[in-house]
PDB file of N, CA and C in Angstrom:
ATOM      1  N   UNK A   1     -27.470 -10.930 -23.810  1.00  0.00           N
ATOM      2  CA  UNK A   1     -26.892 -10.815 -22.485  1.00  0.00           C
ATOM      3  C   UNK A   1     -27.878 -10.086 -21.580  1.00  0.00           C
ATOM      4  N   UNK A   2     -28.144 -10.648 -20.423  1.00  0.00           N
ATOM      5  CA  UNK A   2     -29.100 -10.068 -19.507  1.00  0.00           C
ATOM      6  C   UNK A   2     -28.483  -8.884 -18.769  1.00  0.00           C
ATOM      7  N   UNK A   3     -29.260  -7.812 -18.675  1.00  0.00           N
ATOM      8  CA  UNK A   3     -28.837  -6.619 -17.966  1.00  0.00           C
ATOM      9  C   UNK A   3     -28.784  -6.944 -16.471  1.00  0.00           C
ATOM     10  N   UNK A   4     -27.658  -6.706 -15.846  1.00  0.00           N
ATOM     11  CA  UNK A   4     -27.493  -7.010 -14.433  1.00  0.00           C
ATOM     12  C   UNK A   4     -27.884  -5.828 -13.535  1.00  0.00           C
ATOM     13  N   UNK A   5     -28.431  -4.767 -14.116  1.00  0.00           N
ATOM     14  CA  UNK A   5     -28.832  -3.592 -13.363  1.00  0.00           C
ATOM     15  C   UNK A   5     -29.892  -3.980 -12.329  1.00  0.00           C
ATOM     16  N   UNK A   6     -29.619  -3.709 -11.051  1.00  0.00           N
ATOM     17  CA  UNK A   6     -30.558  -4.077 -10.002  1.00  0.00           C
ATOM     18  C   UNK A   6     -31.826  -3.230 -10.032  1.00  0.00           C
ATOM     19  N   UNK A   7     -31.823  -2.119 -10.745  1.00  0.00           N
ATOM     20  CA  UNK A   7     -32.992  -1.255 -10.825  1.00  0.00           C
ATOM     21  C   UNK A   7     -34.025  -1.747 -11.840  1.00  0.00           C
ATOM     22  N   UNK A   8     -33.695  -2.804 -12.590  1.00  0.00           N
ATOM     23  CA  UNK A   8     -34.620  -3.331 -13.581  1.00  0.00           C
ATOM     24  C   UNK A   8     -35.801  -3.954 -12.853  1.00  0.00           C
ATOM     25  N   UNK A   9     -37.006  -3.574 -13.269  1.00  0.00           N
ATOM     26  CA  UNK A   9     -38.216  -4.114 -12.655  1.00  0.00           C
ATOM     27  C   UNK A   9     -38.745  -5.258 -13.511  1.00  0.00           C
ATOM     28  N   UNK A  10     -38.685  -6.468 -12.996  1.00  0.00           N
ATOM     29  CA  UNK A  10     -39.188  -7.639 -13.691  1.00  0.00           C
ATOM     30  C   UNK A  10     -40.646  -7.845 -13.307  1.00  0.00           C
ATOM     31  N   UNK A  11     -41.485  -8.080 -14.289  1.00  0.00           N
ATOM     32  CA  UNK A  11     -42.930  -8.207 -14.110  1.00  0.00           C
ATOM     33  C   UNK A  11     -43.325  -9.632 -14.503  1.00  0.00           C
ATOM     34  N   UNK A  12     -44.195 -10.236 -13.719  1.00  0.00           N
ATOM     35  CA  UNK A  12     -44.681 -11.565 -14.068  1.00  0.00           C
ATOM     36  C   UNK A  12     -45.539 -11.472 -15.328  1.00  0.00           C
ATOM     37  N   UNK A  13     -45.257 -12.353 -16.281  1.00  0.00           N
ATOM     38  CA  UNK A  13     -45.977 -12.351 -17.558  1.00  0.00           C
ATOM     39  C   UNK A  13     -47.438 -12.759 -17.340  1.00  0.00           C
ATOM     40  N   UNK A  14     -48.270 -12.314 -18.257  1.00  0.00           N
ATOM     41  CA  UNK A  14     -49.696 -12.651 -18.198  1.00  0.00           C
ATOM     42  C   UNK A  14     -49.898 -14.114 -18.604  1.00  0.00           C
ATOM     43  N   UNK A  15     -51.047 -14.687 -18.298  1.00  0.00           N
ATOM     44  CA  UNK A  15     -51.322 -16.055 -18.742  1.00  0.00           C
ATOM     45  C   UNK A  15     -51.213 -16.222 -20.264  1.00  0.00           C
ATOM     46  N   UNK A  16     -51.618 -15.227 -21.014  1.00  0.00           N
ATOM     47  CA  UNK A  16     -51.512 -15.304 -22.479  1.00  0.00           C
ATOM     48  C   UNK A  16     -50.051 -15.319 -22.906  1.00  0.00           C
ATOM     49  N   UNK A  17     -49.230 -14.455 -22.317  1.00  0.00           N
ATOM     50  CA  UNK A  17     -47.801 -14.451 -22.638  1.00  0.00           C
ATOM     51  C   UNK A  17     -47.165 -15.788 -22.285  1.00  0.00           C
ATOM     52  N   UNK A  18     -47.552 -16.353 -21.151  1.00  0.00           N
ATOM     53  CA  UNK A  18     -47.012 -17.646 -20.746  1.00  0.00           C
ATOM     54  C   UNK A  18     -47.429 -18.741 -21.726  1.00  0.00           C
ATOM     55  N   UNK A  19     -48.675 -18.719 -22.161  1.00  0.00           N
ATOM     56  CA  UNK A  19     -49.152 -19.723 -23.119  1.00  0.00           C
ATOM     57  C   UNK A  19     -48.371 -19.644 -24.431  1.00  0.00           C
ATOM     58  N   UNK A  20     -48.121 -18.442 -24.919  1.00  0.00           N
ATOM     59  CA  UNK A  20     -47.341 -18.270 -26.145  1.00  0.00           C
ATOM     60  C   UNK A  20     -45.911 -18.778 -25.937  1.00  0.00           C
ATOM     61  N   UNK A  21     -45.334 -18.465 -24.807  1.00  0.00           N
ATOM     62  CA  UNK A  21     -43.980 -18.917 -24.489  1.00  0.00           C
ATOM     63  C   UNK A  21     -43.900 -20.443 -24.484  1.00  0.00           C
ATOM     64  N   UNK A  22     -44.847 -21.080 -23.807  1.00  0.00           N
ATOM     65  CA  UNK A  22     -44.845 -22.545 -23.737  1.00  0.00           C
ATOM     66  C   UNK A  22     -45.041 -23.149 -25.122  1.00  0.00           C
ATOM     67  N   UNK A  23     -45.971 -22.607 -25.906  1.00  0.00           N
ATOM     68  CA  UNK A  23     -46.203 -23.116 -27.259  1.00  0.00           C
ATOM     69  C   UNK A  23     -44.946 -22.983 -28.111  1.00  0.00           C
ATOM     70  N   UNK A  24     -44.226 -21.892 -27.953  1.00  0.00           N
ATOM     71  CA  UNK A  24     -43.015 -21.680 -28.750  1.00  0.00           C
ATOM     72  C   UNK A  24     -41.894 -22.636 -28.347  1.00  0.00           C
ATOM     73  N   UNK A  25     -41.915 -23.115 -27.118  1.00  0.00           N
ATOM     74  CA  UNK A  25     -40.887 -24.061 -26.680  1.00  0.00           C
ATOM     75  C   UNK A  25     -41.036 -25.404 -27.392  1.00  0.00           C
ATOM     76  N   UNK A  26     -42.263 -25.765 -27.748  1.00  0.00           N
ATOM     77  CA  UNK A  26     -42.498 -27.035 -28.442  1.00  0.00           C
ATOM     78  C   UNK A  26     -42.142 -26.949 -29.918  1.00  0.00           C
ATOM     79  N   UNK A  27     -42.194 -25.758 -30.491  1.00  0.00           N
ATOM     80  CA  UNK A  27     -41.854 -25.585 -31.900  1.00  0.00           C
ATOM     81  C   UNK A  27     -41.204 -24.213 -32.073  1.00  0.00           C
ATOM     82  N   UNK A  28     -39.911 -24.143 -31.841  1.00  0.00           N
ATOM     83  CA  UNK A  28     -39.201 -22.857 -31.863  1.00  0.00           C
ATOM     84  C   UNK A  28     -39.134 -22.236 -33.251  1.00  0.00           C
ATOM     85  N   UNK A  29     -39.409 -23.017 -34.294  1.00  0.00           N
ATOM     86  CA  UNK A  29     -39.375 -22.488 -35.663  1.00  0.00           C
ATOM     87  C   UNK A  29     -40.727 -21.951 -36.111  1.00  0.00           C
ATOM     88  N   UNK A  30     -41.732 -22.121 -35.280  1.00  0.00           N
ATOM     89  CA  UNK A  30     -43.084 -21.703 -35.659  1.00  0.00           C
ATOM     90  C   UNK A  30     -43.203 -20.180 -35.691  1.00  0.00           C
ATOM     91  N   UNK A  31     -43.968 -19.704 -36.626  1.00  0.00           N
ATOM     92  CA  UNK A  31     -44.290 -18.271 -36.699  1.00  0.00           C
ATOM     93  C   UNK A  31     -45.773 -18.054 -36.441  1.00  0.00           C
ATOM     94  N   UNK A  32     -46.404 -18.996 -35.749  1.00  0.00           N
ATOM     95  CA  UNK A  32     -47.851 -18.959 -35.531  1.00  0.00           C
ATOM     96  C   UNK A  32     -48.307 -17.681 -34.836  1.00  0.00           C
ATOM     97  N   UNK A  33     -47.488 -17.119 -33.973  1.00  0.00           N
ATOM     98  CA  UNK A  33     -47.901 -15.929 -33.230  1.00  0.00           C
ATOM     99  C   UNK A  33     -47.322 -14.642 -33.804  1.00  0.00           C
ATOM    100  N   UNK A  34     -46.689 -14.729 -34.947  1.00  0.00           N
ATOM    101  CA  UNK A  34     -46.147 -13.542 -35.604  1.00  0.00           C
ATOM    102  C   UNK A  34     -47.185 -12.955 -36.553  1.00  0.00           C
ATOM    103  N   UNK A  35     -47.284 -11.669 -36.552  1.00  0.00           N
ATOM    104  CA  UNK A  35     -48.109 -10.981 -37.541  1.00  0.00           C
ATOM    105  C   UNK A  35     -47.126 -10.249 -38.440  1.00  0.00           C
ATOM    106  N   UNK A  36     -47.073 -10.667 -39.687  1.00  0.00           N
ATOM    107  CA  UNK A  36     -46.084 -10.085 -40.589  1.00  0.00           C
ATOM    108  C   UNK A  36     -46.761  -9.264 -41.671  1.00  0.00           C
ATOM    109  N   UNK A  37     -46.053  -8.281 -42.120  1.00  0.00           N
ATOM    110  CA  UNK A  37     -46.490  -7.429 -43.217  1.00  0.00           C
ATOM    111  C   UNK A  37     -45.292  -7.174 -44.108  1.00  0.00           C
ATOM    112  N   UNK A  38     -45.520  -7.207 -45.379  1.00  0.00           N
ATOM    113  CA  UNK A  38     -44.449  -6.967 -46.332  1.00  0.00           C
ATOM    114  C   UNK A  38     -44.765  -5.693 -47.096  1.00  0.00           C
ATOM    115  N   UNK A  39     -43.800  -4.813 -47.163  1.00  0.00           N
ATOM    116  CA  UNK A  39     -43.922  -3.575 -47.920  1.00  0.00           C
ATOM    117  C   UNK A  39     -42.872  -3.573 -49.015  1.00  0.00           C
ATOM    118  N   UNK A  40     -43.251  -3.094 -50.151  1.00  0.00           N
ATOM    119  CA  UNK A  40     -42.289  -2.891 -51.226  1.00  0.00           C
ATOM    120  C   UNK A  40     -42.058  -1.394 -51.332  1.00  0.00           C
ATOM    121  N   UNK A  41     -40.837  -0.994 -51.120  1.00  0.00           N
ATOM    122  CA  UNK A  41     -40.488   0.421 -51.194  1.00  0.00           C
ATOM    123  C   UNK A  41     -39.932   0.707 -52.579  1.00  0.00           C
ATOM    124  N   UNK A  42     -40.434   1.742 -53.177  1.00  0.00           N
ATOM    125  CA  UNK A  42     -39.964   2.122 -54.512  1.00  0.00           C
ATOM    126  C   UNK A  42     -39.380   3.529 -54.451  1.00  0.00           C
ATOM    127  N   UNK A  43     -38.470   3.765 -55.328  1.00  0.00           N
ATOM    128  CA  UNK A  43     -37.858   5.087 -55.366  1.00  0.00           C
ATOM    129  C   UNK A  43     -36.678   5.161 -54.426  1.00  0.00           C
ATOM    130  N   UNK A  44     -36.215   6.378 -54.252  1.00  0.00           N
ATOM    131  CA  UNK A  44     -35.048   6.598 -53.410  1.00  0.00           C
ATOM    132  C   UNK A  44     -35.422   6.423 -51.936  1.00  0.00           C
ATOM    133  N   UNK A  45     -34.648   5.629 -51.247  1.00  0.00           N
ATOM    134  CA  UNK A  45     -34.852   5.404 -49.818  1.00  0.00           C
ATOM    135  C   UNK A  45     -33.821   6.222 -49.052  1.00  0.00           C
ATOM    136  N   UNK A  46     -34.310   7.088 -48.190  1.00  0.00           N
ATOM    137  CA  UNK A  46     -33.411   7.862 -47.344  1.00  0.00           C
ATOM    138  C   UNK A  46     -33.151   7.032 -46.088  1.00  0.00           C
ATOM    139  N   UNK A  47     -32.021   6.348 -46.086  1.00  0.00           N
ATOM    140  CA  UNK A  47     -31.699   5.397 -45.030  1.00  0.00           C
ATOM    141  C   UNK A  47     -31.786   6.024 -43.635  1.00  0.00           C
ATOM    142  N   UNK A  48     -31.293   7.225 -43.493  1.00  0.00           N
ATOM    143  CA  UNK A  48     -31.299   7.895 -42.187  1.00  0.00           C
ATOM    144  C   UNK A  48     -32.733   8.111 -41.690  1.00  0.00           C
ATOM    145  N   UNK A  49     -33.623   8.539 -42.573  1.00  0.00           N
ATOM    146  CA  UNK A  49     -35.017   8.774 -42.178  1.00  0.00           C
ATOM    147  C   UNK A  49     -35.748   7.462 -41.889  1.00  0.00           C
ATOM    148  N   UNK A  50     -35.445   6.421 -42.656  1.00  0.00           N
ATOM    149  CA  UNK A  50     -36.052   5.119 -42.416  1.00  0.00           C
ATOM    150  C   UNK A  50     -35.626   4.585 -41.049  1.00  0.00           C
ATOM    151  N   UNK A  51     -34.348   4.662 -40.749  1.00  0.00           N
ATOM    152  CA  UNK A  51     -33.846   4.219 -39.450  1.00  0.00           C
ATOM    153  C   UNK A  51     -34.477   5.034 -38.321  1.00  0.00           C
ATOM    154  N   UNK A  52     -34.601   6.328 -38.508  1.00  0.00           N
ATOM    155  CA  UNK A  52     -35.224   7.193 -37.505  1.00  0.00           C
ATOM    156  C   UNK A  52     -36.675   6.783 -37.267  1.00  0.00           C
ATOM    157  N   UNK A  53     -37.398   6.455 -38.323  1.00  0.00           N
ATOM    158  CA  UNK A  53     -38.793   6.024 -38.195  1.00  0.00           C
ATOM    159  C   UNK A  53     -38.894   4.703 -37.427  1.00  0.00           C
ATOM    160  N   UNK A  54     -37.987   3.780 -37.710  1.00  0.00           N
ATOM    161  CA  UNK A  54     -37.983   2.499 -37.003  1.00  0.00           C
ATOM    162  C   UNK A  54     -37.676   2.710 -35.527  1.00  0.00           C
ATOM    163  N   UNK A  55     -36.676   3.517 -35.239  1.00  0.00           N
ATOM    164  CA  UNK A  55     -36.320   3.790 -33.840  1.00  0.00           C
ATOM    165  C   UNK A  55     -37.445   4.498 -33.099  1.00  0.00           C
ATOM    166  N   UNK A  56     -38.130   5.414 -33.757  1.00  0.00           N
ATOM    167  CA  UNK A  56     -39.279   6.102 -33.140  1.00  0.00           C
ATOM    168  C   UNK A  56     -40.405   5.116 -32.835  1.00  0.00           C
ATOM    169  N   UNK A  57     -40.609   4.141 -33.726  1.00  0.00           N
ATOM    170  CA  UNK A  57     -41.632   3.123 -33.498  1.00  0.00           C
ATOM    171  C   UNK A  57     -41.289   2.290 -32.273  1.00  0.00           C
ATOM    172  N   UNK A  58     -40.041   1.873 -32.178  1.00  0.00           N
ATOM    173  CA  UNK A  58     -39.605   1.083 -31.019  1.00  0.00           C
ATOM    174  C   UNK A  58     -39.712   1.918 -29.744  1.00  0.00           C
ATOM    175  N   UNK A  59     -39.323   3.180 -29.809  1.00  0.00           N
ATOM    176  CA  UNK A  59     -39.392   4.055 -28.630  1.00  0.00           C
ATOM    177  C   UNK A  59     -40.826   4.248 -28.147  1.00  0.00           C
ATOM    178  N   UNK A  60     -41.779   4.278 -29.072  1.00  0.00           N
ATOM    179  CA  UNK A  60     -43.163   4.564 -28.691  1.00  0.00           C
ATOM    180  C   UNK A  60     -43.970   3.307 -28.364  1.00  0.00           C
ATOM    181  N   UNK A  61     -43.385   2.123 -28.529  1.00  0.00           N
ATOM    182  CA  UNK A  61     -44.098   0.882 -28.251  1.00  0.00           C
ATOM    183  C   UNK A  61     -43.279   0.047 -27.278  1.00  0.00           C
ATOM    184  N   UNK A  62     -43.657   0.094 -26.016  1.00  0.00           N
ATOM    185  CA  UNK A  62     -42.834  -0.528 -24.972  1.00  0.00           C
ATOM    186  C   UNK A  62     -42.642  -2.023 -25.157  1.00  0.00           C
ATOM    187  N   UNK A  63     -43.602  -2.738 -25.703  1.00  0.00           N
ATOM    188  CA  UNK A  63     -43.435  -4.184 -25.841  1.00  0.00           C
ATOM    189  C   UNK A  63     -42.390  -4.550 -26.890  1.00  0.00           C
ATOM    190  N   UNK A  64     -42.038  -3.609 -27.752  1.00  0.00           N
ATOM    191  CA  UNK A  64     -40.945  -3.856 -28.685  1.00  0.00           C
ATOM    192  C   UNK A  64     -39.587  -3.757 -27.991  1.00  0.00           C
ATOM    193  N   UNK A  65     -39.600  -3.267 -26.748  1.00  0.00           N
ATOM    194  CA  UNK A  65     -38.368  -3.173 -25.958  1.00  0.00           C
ATOM    195  C   UNK A  65     -38.353  -4.190 -24.815  1.00  0.00           C
ATOM    196  N   UNK A  66     -39.275  -5.145 -24.846  1.00  0.00           N
ATOM    197  CA  UNK A  66     -39.396  -6.116 -23.754  1.00  0.00           C
ATOM    198  C   UNK A  66     -38.363  -7.226 -23.877  1.00  0.00           C
ATOM    199  N   UNK A  67     -37.869  -7.654 -22.721  1.00  0.00           N
ATOM    200  CA  UNK A  67     -36.998  -8.831 -22.617  1.00  0.00           C
ATOM    201  C   UNK A  67     -37.686  -9.814 -21.679  1.00  0.00           C
ATOM    202  N   UNK A  68     -37.598 -11.078 -22.021  1.00  0.00           N
ATOM    203  CA  UNK A  68     -38.249 -12.110 -21.212  1.00  0.00           C
ATOM    204  C   UNK A  68     -37.207 -13.031 -20.603  1.00  0.00           C
ATOM    205  N   UNK A  69     -37.566 -13.602 -19.451  1.00  0.00           N
ATOM    206  CA  UNK A  69     -36.731 -14.614 -18.822  1.00  0.00           C
ATOM    207  C   UNK A  69     -37.658 -15.538 -18.028  1.00  0.00           C
ATOM    208  N   UNK A  70     -37.182 -16.730 -17.791  1.00  0.00           N
ATOM    209  CA  UNK A  70     -37.905 -17.672 -16.937  1.00  0.00           C
ATOM    210  C   UNK A  70     -37.076 -17.855 -15.681  1.00  0.00           C
ATOM    211  N   UNK A  71     -37.619 -17.393 -14.556  1.00  0.00           N
ATOM    212  CA  UNK A  71     -36.874 -17.444 -13.303  1.00  0.00           C
ATOM    213  C   UNK A  71     -37.856 -17.629 -12.148  1.00  0.00           C
ATOM    214  N   UNK A  72     -37.421 -18.350 -11.140  1.00  0.00           N
ATOM    215  CA  UNK A  72     -38.247 -18.588  -9.953  1.00  0.00           C
ATOM    216  C   UNK A  72     -39.600 -19.184 -10.328  1.00  0.00           C
ATOM    217  N   UNK A  73     -39.574 -20.135 -11.280  1.00  0.00           N
ATOM    218  CA  UNK A  73     -40.786 -20.831 -11.734  1.00  0.00           C
ATOM    219  C   UNK A  73     -41.839 -19.894 -12.324  1.00  0.00           C
ATOM    220  N   UNK A  74     -41.386 -18.791 -12.920  1.00  0.00           N
ATOM    221  CA  UNK A  74     -42.331 -17.857 -13.536  1.00  0.00           C
ATOM    222  C   UNK A  74     -41.688 -17.189 -14.745  1.00  0.00           C
ATOM    223  N   UNK A  75     -42.507 -16.959 -15.762  1.00  0.00           N
ATOM    224  CA  UNK A  75     -42.062 -16.171 -16.909  1.00  0.00           C
ATOM    225  C   UNK A  75     -42.170 -14.707 -16.514  1.00  0.00           C
ATOM    226  N   UNK A  76     -41.096 -13.969 -16.734  1.00  0.00           N
ATOM    227  CA  UNK A  76     -41.052 -12.555 -16.360  1.00  0.00           C
ATOM    228  C   UNK A  76     -40.557 -11.739 -17.543  1.00  0.00           C
ATOM    229  N   UNK A  77     -40.888 -10.456 -17.527  1.00  0.00           N
ATOM    230  CA  UNK A  77     -40.358  -9.553 -18.545  1.00  0.00           C
ATOM    231  C   UNK A  77     -40.036  -8.202 -17.920  1.00  0.00           C
ATOM    232  N   UNK A  78     -39.160  -7.481 -18.609  1.00  0.00           N
ATOM    233  CA  UNK A  78     -38.874  -6.103 -18.241  1.00  0.00           C
ATOM    234  C   UNK A  78     -38.852  -5.286 -19.516  1.00  0.00           C
ATOM    235  N   UNK A  79     -39.035  -4.004 -19.365  1.00  0.00           N
ATOM    236  CA  UNK A  79     -39.039  -3.088 -20.493  1.00  0.00           C
ATOM    237  C   UNK A  79     -37.759  -2.273 -20.449  1.00  0.00           C
ATOM    238  N   UNK A  80     -36.955  -2.360 -21.502  1.00  0.00           N
ATOM    239  CA  UNK A  80     -35.745  -1.531 -21.589  1.00  0.00           C
ATOM    240  C   UNK A  80     -36.140  -0.084 -21.875  1.00  0.00           C
ATOM    241  N   UNK A  81     -35.513   0.804 -21.167  1.00  0.00           N
ATOM    242  CA  UNK A  81     -35.805   2.239 -21.370  1.00  0.00           C
ATOM    243  C   UNK A  81     -34.890   2.844 -22.391  1.00  0.00           C
TER     244      UNK A  81
END
């Protein structure tokens, strides 16, 4: 659901972001632009600390909080705070 807050600043996407968006429209199942890493965790997992680490990562990396839309003939994004 798109945030209807009028204070949201939408930014025009870069040419590279637009190219990735267009490529993904032709093959929505493709993972060509994903960089994946698999970790095997052993031992006791402290769920609360793991969740905190994930949330801290998202908080410190603005593009992990980005939302995209196509409007007014342009790909745009905003960063959720």
